[in-house]
Protein backbone atom coordinates (compact mmCIF):
# COMPACT_ATOMS: atom_id res chain seq x y z
CA MET A 1 47.43 3.46 -43.76
CA ARG A 2 45.52 4.99 -41.19
CA GLU A 3 43.58 3.69 -37.44
CA TYR A 4 39.97 3.89 -37.27
CA GLU A 5 37.84 3.34 -33.95
CA THR A 6 34.48 2.74 -33.76
CA THR A 7 33.05 2.55 -30.96
CA PHE A 8 28.79 1.37 -30.81
CA ILE A 9 26.46 0.87 -27.74
CA ILE A 10 23.89 -2.39 -27.64
CA GLN A 11 20.64 -2.33 -26.23
CA PRO A 12 21.72 -4.60 -23.04
CA GLU A 13 19.05 -7.66 -23.75
CA ILE A 14 20.37 -8.49 -27.11
CA SER A 15 21.33 -12.12 -27.14
CA ASP A 16 25.15 -12.91 -27.12
CA GLU A 17 24.08 -14.64 -30.52
CA SER A 18 22.62 -11.58 -32.65
CA VAL A 19 25.81 -10.00 -31.21
CA ALA A 20 27.50 -11.80 -32.88
CA GLY A 21 26.15 -11.56 -35.96
CA LEU A 22 26.21 -8.17 -35.88
CA LEU A 23 30.31 -8.62 -36.20
CA GLU A 24 30.05 -10.83 -38.43
CA ARG A 25 28.08 -7.69 -40.48
CA LEU A 26 31.00 -5.61 -39.46
CA ASP A 27 33.54 -7.95 -41.09
CA GLY A 28 31.78 -8.54 -44.08
CA VAL A 29 31.72 -4.82 -45.05
CA MET A 30 35.36 -4.42 -43.76
CA GLU A 31 36.02 -7.60 -45.90
CA LYS A 32 34.37 -6.01 -49.15
CA SER A 33 35.87 -2.87 -48.94
CA GLY A 34 39.53 -3.80 -47.80
CA ALA A 35 39.80 -2.97 -44.26
CA GLN A 36 41.13 -4.99 -42.45
CA ARG A 37 40.43 -5.51 -38.68
CA LEU A 38 42.56 -5.24 -35.53
CA LEU A 39 40.15 -5.79 -32.92
CA TYR A 40 37.15 -5.99 -31.41
CA ASP A 41 36.88 -4.74 -27.85
CA ASP A 42 33.62 -5.66 -26.15
CA GLN A 43 33.58 -3.81 -22.70
CA GLY A 44 30.28 -5.27 -20.95
CA LYS A 45 27.99 -3.69 -20.23
CA ARG A 46 27.85 -0.05 -18.20
CA ARG A 47 25.89 2.37 -17.13
CA LEU A 48 24.49 4.94 -19.92
CA ALA A 49 25.32 8.58 -18.94
CA TYR A 50 22.00 9.26 -19.86
CA GLU A 51 19.03 7.16 -20.42
CA ILE A 52 18.22 6.49 -24.55
CA GLU A 53 14.91 4.62 -26.10
CA ASN A 54 14.25 3.76 -22.07
CA PHE A 55 17.38 1.79 -21.70
CA GLN A 56 20.13 3.13 -19.16
CA LYS A 57 22.91 0.83 -19.26
CA GLY A 58 24.22 -0.38 -22.97
CA ARG A 59 26.63 -3.17 -23.69
CA TYR A 60 29.76 -0.83 -24.95
CA VAL A 61 32.00 -2.64 -27.96
CA THR A 62 35.02 -0.56 -30.22
CA LEU A 63 36.23 -1.90 -33.06
CA TYR A 64 39.76 -1.01 -33.68
CA TYR A 65 40.60 -1.67 -37.56
CA LEU A 66 43.08 0.13 -40.28
CA ASP A 67 41.37 1.95 -44.06
CA GLU A 68 42.07 4.35 -46.39
CA GLY A 69 39.08 6.07 -45.12
CA GLN A 70 36.28 5.19 -46.87
CA THR A 71 34.97 1.91 -44.83
CA GLY A 72 33.95 4.43 -42.33
CA LYS A 73 30.54 5.87 -43.81
CA GLU A 74 29.39 1.68 -44.80
CA LEU A 75 29.92 0.61 -41.15
CA GLU A 76 28.04 3.71 -40.53
CA ARG A 77 25.43 2.84 -42.41
CA VAL A 78 24.84 -1.04 -40.74
CA LEU A 79 25.22 0.25 -37.66
CA ARG A 80 22.81 2.89 -38.53
CA LEU A 81 20.09 -0.05 -40.11
CA ASP A 82 20.50 -1.88 -36.72
CA ASP A 83 17.28 -1.55 -34.75
CA SER A 84 19.55 -3.40 -31.40
CA VAL A 85 22.48 -0.15 -31.71
CA LEU A 86 21.70 2.67 -29.98
CA ARG A 87 24.69 5.12 -30.80
CA PHE A 88 27.50 4.69 -32.73
CA LEU A 89 31.10 6.93 -33.17
CA THR A 90 33.28 6.94 -35.46
CA VAL A 91 37.20 8.58 -34.45
CA LEU A 92 40.52 8.72 -36.48
CA ALA A 93 43.20 6.99 -33.46
CA ASN A 94 46.12 7.59 -35.83
CA ASP A 95 46.63 9.55 -38.96
CA GLU A 96 49.72 7.22 -39.93
CA VAL A 97 50.16 3.93 -38.81
CA VAL A 98 53.08 3.02 -40.33
CA ASP A 99 54.56 -0.46 -39.43
CA ILE A 100 51.37 -2.20 -39.75
CA GLU A 101 52.44 -5.74 -38.36
CA ALA A 102 53.36 -4.33 -35.63
CA ARG A 103 50.02 -2.64 -34.28
CA LYS A 104 47.74 -5.50 -35.94
CA ALA A 105 50.33 -7.97 -33.67
CA GLU A 106 49.75 -5.06 -30.29
CA ALA A 107 45.92 -5.92 -31.58
CA ALA A 108 46.24 -9.28 -31.06
CA GLU A 109 48.24 -9.27 -27.77
CA PHE A 110 45.88 -6.84 -26.36
CA GLU A 111 42.97 -9.21 -27.74
CA ARG A 112 44.64 -11.88 -25.94
CA ALA A 113 44.84 -10.50 -22.76
CA ARG A 114 41.14 -9.16 -22.50
CA ALA A 115 39.91 -12.13 -22.97
CA ALA A 116 42.20 -13.58 -20.15
CA LYS A 117 40.57 -10.80 -17.83
CA ALA A 118 37.20 -11.55 -19.29
CA ALA A 119 37.96 -15.32 -17.94
CA GLU A 120 39.34 -14.62 -14.46
CA ARG A 121 36.02 -11.96 -14.80
CA ALA A 122 32.92 -14.68 -15.81
CA ALA A 123 35.02 -17.59 -13.13
CA ARG A 124 35.34 -14.63 -10.05
CA GLU A 125 31.03 -14.01 -10.77
CA ALA A 126 30.85 -17.56 -10.76
CA GLU A 127 31.76 -17.99 -7.32
CA GLU A 128 29.95 -15.69 -5.98
CA ALA A 129 26.88 -16.23 -7.86
CA ALA A 130 27.60 -20.02 -6.21
CA ARG A 131 28.13 -18.20 -2.32
CA ALA A 132 25.11 -15.62 -3.32
CA ALA A 133 22.98 -18.93 -3.81
CA GLU A 134 24.90 -21.37 -1.18
CA ALA A 135 24.00 -18.71 1.30
CA ALA A 136 20.08 -17.85 -0.10
CA ALA A 137 19.88 -21.80 0.09
CA SER A 138 20.93 -21.74 4.32
CA GLU A 139 18.98 -18.64 5.35
CA ALA A 140 16.03 -20.11 4.12
CA ALA A 141 16.53 -23.36 5.91
CA ALA A 142 17.42 -21.22 9.04
CA ALA A 143 14.14 -19.15 8.18
CA SER A 144 12.13 -22.12 7.67
CA GLN A 145 14.00 -23.75 11.76
CA ALA A 146 12.91 -20.46 13.14
CA GLU A 147 9.00 -21.53 11.88
CA ALA A 148 9.15 -24.38 12.47
CA ALA A 149 10.35 -23.54 16.32
CA SER A 150 8.25 -21.05 16.52
CA ALA A 151 4.96 -22.82 15.40
CA ASP A 152 6.46 -25.28 17.71
CA ASP A 153 6.08 -22.75 20.47
CA GLU A 154 3.35 -21.62 19.54
CA GLY A 155 1.49 -24.64 19.83
CA ASP A 156 2.80 -25.16 23.27
CA ALA A 157 2.01 -21.49 24.17
CA GLY A 158 -1.85 -22.79 22.96
CA ASP A 159 -1.98 -25.89 24.53
CA ALA A 160 -0.46 -24.17 27.69
CA GLY A 161 -3.38 -21.21 27.29
CA ASP A 162 -5.95 -24.12 27.12
CA GLU A 163 -5.01 -26.28 30.48
CA ALA A 164 -5.73 -22.19 31.92
CA ALA A 165 -8.51 -20.90 30.74
CA ALA A 166 -9.58 -24.20 31.68
CA ALA A 167 -8.60 -24.64 35.54
CA SER A 168 -9.98 -20.93 35.66
CA GLY A 169 -13.26 -22.30 33.99
CA ASP A 170 -13.25 -24.44 37.02
CA ASP A 171 -12.05 -22.63 39.90
CA ALA A 172 -14.85 -19.01 38.63
CA GLY A 173 -17.28 -22.50 38.32
CA LYS A 174 -16.51 -23.70 41.69
CA ALA A 175 -16.52 -19.91 43.18
CA THR A 176 -20.69 -19.55 42.10
CA ASP A 177 -20.63 -22.65 43.41
CA GLU A 178 -19.87 -21.79 46.53
CA LYS A 179 -21.58 -18.10 46.71
CA PRO A 180 -23.93 -18.12 49.54
CA THR A 181 -26.63 -16.61 49.16
CA ALA A 182 -28.85 -14.62 51.28
CA GLU A 183 -32.82 -14.88 50.51
CA SER A 184 -35.69 -13.57 52.34
CA PRO A 185 -37.68 -15.91 54.98
CA ASP A 186 -40.09 -15.67 52.02
CA GLY A 187 -37.77 -16.57 49.49
CA ASP A 188 -38.61 -14.24 46.69
CA GLU A 189 -36.61 -11.61 47.44
CA PRO A 190 -32.60 -11.08 48.92
CA ALA A 191 -32.39 -10.34 52.72
CA SER A 192 -30.88 -6.76 51.88
CA GLU A 193 -33.79 -5.93 49.79
CA ALA A 194 -36.35 -6.86 52.39
CA LYS A 195 -35.06 -5.64 55.42
CA GLU A 196 -35.05 -2.23 53.39
CA GLY A 197 -38.44 -2.76 52.63
């Protein structure tokens, strides 16, 4: 038996349910042809080296399986027909697998370790998301408090400005009322103009 690896890149926005459906179809192909699946290594979304079909990221999945060599073409046909698959590549990983059961056990252990790491990563991401949401909420509360405080300050400054304007208006009125005007004896022209003329 030979060991093969088929790596394929799926569009990043495809749901987990759709990916699971694709993996089930691949399992069906392997079951019909007599290949033995070792494991699926879902590496998650990663940035692509170059843009493919306007996508800059893709979800990388590698299928490890044991076969005599006939299954690869049928797997690639299924991947080619699926619109969510951007690229795929099959390579021969091991030309001769002597101890098949040992390789299966090794693959199962790898899959358990990968699942544990994925669970840890998901828990860490959930904690980070909760912290980010908490920080955003506290920032929003601080911003609303600052906005309310500045509105109060503007209101106080506006009241003080109105009072100052009213007081200066009163002073201006007093100044114009108290300003003496010199008139000529006949009352038509100011006295300064009367002297010149």
